[in-house]
């Protein structure tokens, strides 16, 4: 099938973009971006040689990137069949949100004990800007929403947890941009942000943890419901 062969896809320019064998992180990002954009479709075979030619690199960083993508669930590697792209379906999104509902409360719980007045003021300033946007500037909203959460997460000592959150956020954000998020969900997000700020101001660690768990669960349910309704 044509969809199974990467050779049928247009190769991006690689002039002026040399990639060393040690650049598996950049290859990972490029493969993941192409998967999320649909340029490498679900079920497509991922041949190491073809990917190396596609991205203008050697085979070693491609192998490392595929192993990382396998570990994160984007790629399935089967004996005698090689690597394939896993379909990004409801169960895939559910799994990501279930992991996020563990990660984000963990990050918030630590932040609640160390947040400064300046941190909370920064969150409030970002939230004010989000609310001033209304519901039309989705691209700007996404960036501000990430900025809001980064105030909370970027100071955490566990960089692996923060990086995992960021990768999942990138993936889920790409998926959600292909869906029509209802105004009621946008309004709920704003209220959930305000509740998180309120709890942090009061140094209510348990309340802040509950607030972010509600926030993550609500977003997950909404995205999965939209995927079901639009399939």
Foldseek 3Di string as FASTA:
>chain_A
DVLQDLVNFDADDCVVPADELVVLVVLLVVVVVCDLVCSNPFFHADDQVSSCVSNVYDSNSVVVSQVVCVVLPQWDQDPPRGIGGHDCALVVLVVLLVVVLVLLLVLQLVLLVVPDPVLLVVLVVLLVVLVVVQDDCVVVNLVSVVVNSCSRRVVDPPVVSVVSVVVSSVSVVSLCVVFDQDPVLVVVLSVLSVQLSVCSVVSNSVSNSVSVSVNSVSVSVRSNVRRVVVD
